[in-house]
């Protein structure tokens, strides 16, 4: 089950689990659509893997399967992995 992290690691934008607009890599690093397209070019800055759209979690399932509350943020921003 996906952790559904609550924010973009680059800009700290809120990314609620029940909405679209979040992207993840295979390690579940999480980024917003704007950072993925304008800064990262679709590549995770942490592992170099591809970023794909994270599916939203149905609101009805959030009570039983809550999203993570742990925020991961890089205050200095993100740069594309070398």
C-alpha atoms as a PDB file:
ATOM      1  CA  UNK A   1       0.000   0.000   0.000  1.00  0.00           C
ATOM      2  CA  UNK A   2       1.336   3.444  -0.915  1.00  0.00           C
ATOM      3  CA  UNK A   3       2.316   5.736   1.947  1.00  0.00           C
ATOM      4  CA  UNK A   4       0.609   8.685   0.247  1.00  0.00           C
ATOM      5  CA  UNK A   5       3.055  11.301   1.555  1.00  0.00           C
ATOM      6  CA  UNK A   6       1.345  14.637   2.193  1.00  0.00           C
ATOM      7  CA  UNK A   7       3.613  17.100   0.380  1.00  0.00           C
ATOM      8  CA  UNK A   8       6.033  17.825  -2.441  1.00  0.00           C
ATOM      9  CA  UNK A   9       9.643  17.234  -1.396  1.00  0.00           C
ATOM     10  CA  UNK A  10      10.808  20.204  -3.479  1.00  0.00           C
ATOM     11  CA  UNK A  11       8.369  23.044  -2.800  1.00  0.00           C
ATOM     12  CA  UNK A  12       6.448  21.642   0.207  1.00  0.00           C
ATOM     13  CA  UNK A  13       3.086  22.047  -1.551  1.00  0.00           C
ATOM     14  CA  UNK A  14       0.290  20.051   0.113  1.00  0.00           C
ATOM     15  CA  UNK A  15      -0.656  16.925  -1.858  1.00  0.00           C
ATOM     16  CA  UNK A  16      -3.743  15.382  -0.232  1.00  0.00           C
ATOM     17  CA  UNK A  17      -4.075  11.636  -0.737  1.00  0.00           C
ATOM     18  CA  UNK A  18      -7.540  11.934  -2.277  1.00  0.00           C
ATOM     19  CA  UNK A  19      -6.501  14.315  -5.067  1.00  0.00           C
ATOM     20  CA  UNK A  20      -4.594  14.070  -8.328  1.00  0.00           C
ATOM     21  CA  UNK A  21      -1.436  16.046  -9.065  1.00  0.00           C
ATOM     22  CA  UNK A  22       1.172  14.069  -7.119  1.00  0.00           C
ATOM     23  CA  UNK A  23       3.966  12.078  -8.731  1.00  0.00           C
ATOM     24  CA  UNK A  24       6.067   9.296  -7.181  1.00  0.00           C
ATOM     25  CA  UNK A  25       9.100   7.155  -7.987  1.00  0.00           C
ATOM     26  CA  UNK A  26       9.460   3.494  -7.035  1.00  0.00           C
ATOM     27  CA  UNK A  27      10.720   4.573  -3.587  1.00  0.00           C
ATOM     28  CA  UNK A  28       7.625   6.774  -3.113  1.00  0.00           C
ATOM     29  CA  UNK A  29       9.534  10.046  -3.186  1.00  0.00           C
ATOM     30  CA  UNK A  30       6.703  12.488  -3.798  1.00  0.00           C
ATOM     31  CA  UNK A  31       6.562  15.638  -5.920  1.00  0.00           C
ATOM     32  CA  UNK A  32       3.920  17.997  -7.308  1.00  0.00           C
ATOM     33  CA  UNK A  33       3.148  18.217 -11.002  1.00  0.00           C
ATOM     34  CA  UNK A  34       4.724  21.671 -11.338  1.00  0.00           C
ATOM     35  CA  UNK A  35       8.086  20.589  -9.885  1.00  0.00           C
ATOM     36  CA  UNK A  36       8.085  17.375 -11.945  1.00  0.00           C
ATOM     37  CA  UNK A  37       7.553  19.248 -15.201  1.00  0.00           C
ATOM     38  CA  UNK A  38       9.455  22.501 -14.617  1.00  0.00           C
ATOM     39  CA  UNK A  39      12.381  21.464 -12.390  1.00  0.00           C
ATOM     40  CA  UNK A  40      12.848  17.707 -12.434  1.00  0.00           C
ATOM     41  CA  UNK A  41      12.013  16.763 -16.011  1.00  0.00           C
ATOM     42  CA  UNK A  42      10.208  13.613 -14.852  1.00  0.00           C
ATOM     43  CA  UNK A  43      13.255  12.213 -13.031  1.00  0.00           C
ATOM     44  CA  UNK A  44      13.491  11.665  -9.262  1.00  0.00           C
ATOM     45  CA  UNK A  45      16.345  13.772  -7.847  1.00  0.00           C
ATOM     46  CA  UNK A  46      16.954  11.186  -5.118  1.00  0.00           C
ATOM     47  CA  UNK A  47      17.284   7.923  -7.062  1.00  0.00           C
ATOM     48  CA  UNK A  48      17.286   8.938 -10.727  1.00  0.00           C
ATOM     49  CA  UNK A  49      14.189   6.852 -11.414  1.00  0.00           C
ATOM     50  CA  UNK A  50      11.142   7.900 -13.397  1.00  0.00           C
ATOM     51  CA  UNK A  51       8.257   9.774 -11.793  1.00  0.00           C
ATOM     52  CA  UNK A  52       4.719   8.598 -12.492  1.00  0.00           C
ATOM     53  CA  UNK A  53       1.321   9.947 -11.420  1.00  0.00           C
ATOM     54  CA  UNK A  54       0.305   8.770  -7.945  1.00  0.00           C
ATOM     55  CA  UNK A  55      -3.240   7.404  -7.937  1.00  0.00           C
ATOM     56  CA  UNK A  56      -5.608   9.170  -5.547  1.00  0.00           C
ATOM     57  CA  UNK A  57      -6.930   7.177  -2.589  1.00  0.00           C
ATOM     58  CA  UNK A  58     -10.726   6.991  -2.336  1.00  0.00           C
ATOM     59  CA  UNK A  59     -12.028   9.232   0.437  1.00  0.00           C
ATOM     60  CA  UNK A  60     -14.114   6.340   1.782  1.00  0.00           C
ATOM     61  CA  UNK A  61     -10.920   4.311   2.361  1.00  0.00           C
ATOM     62  CA  UNK A  62      -8.866   7.002   4.086  1.00  0.00           C
ATOM     63  CA  UNK A  63     -10.340   6.226   7.530  1.00  0.00           C
ATOM     64  CA  UNK A  64      -9.316   2.563   7.298  1.00  0.00           C
ATOM     65  CA  UNK A  65      -6.117   3.190   5.332  1.00  0.00           C
ATOM     66  CA  UNK A  66      -4.890   6.676   6.300  1.00  0.00           C
ATOM     67  CA  UNK A  67      -2.271   8.566   4.352  1.00  0.00           C
ATOM     68  CA  UNK A  68       1.110   9.313   5.883  1.00  0.00           C
ATOM     69  CA  UNK A  69       1.445  12.488   7.940  1.00  0.00           C
ATOM     70  CA  UNK A  70       5.242  12.537   7.739  1.00  0.00           C
ATOM     71  CA  UNK A  71       6.380  15.464   5.625  1.00  0.00           C
ATOM     72  CA  UNK A  72       9.618  15.176   3.632  1.00  0.00           C
ATOM     73  CA  UNK A  73      10.972  18.498   2.403  1.00  0.00           C
ATOM     74  CA  UNK A  74      14.270  19.741   1.080  1.00  0.00           C
ATOM     75  CA  UNK A  75      14.334  23.432   2.055  1.00  0.00           C
ATOM     76  CA  UNK A  76      17.009  24.133  -0.541  1.00  0.00           C
ATOM     77  CA  UNK A  77      14.772  22.806  -3.295  1.00  0.00           C
ATOM     78  CA  UNK A  78      15.477  19.973  -5.674  1.00  0.00           C
ATOM     79  CA  UNK A  79      17.756  19.503  -8.603  1.00  0.00           C
ATOM     80  CA  UNK A  80      17.598  16.766 -11.197  1.00  0.00           C
ATOM     81  CA  UNK A  81      19.712  13.721 -10.308  1.00  0.00           C
ATOM     82  CA  UNK A  82      23.026  13.564 -12.139  1.00  0.00           C
END
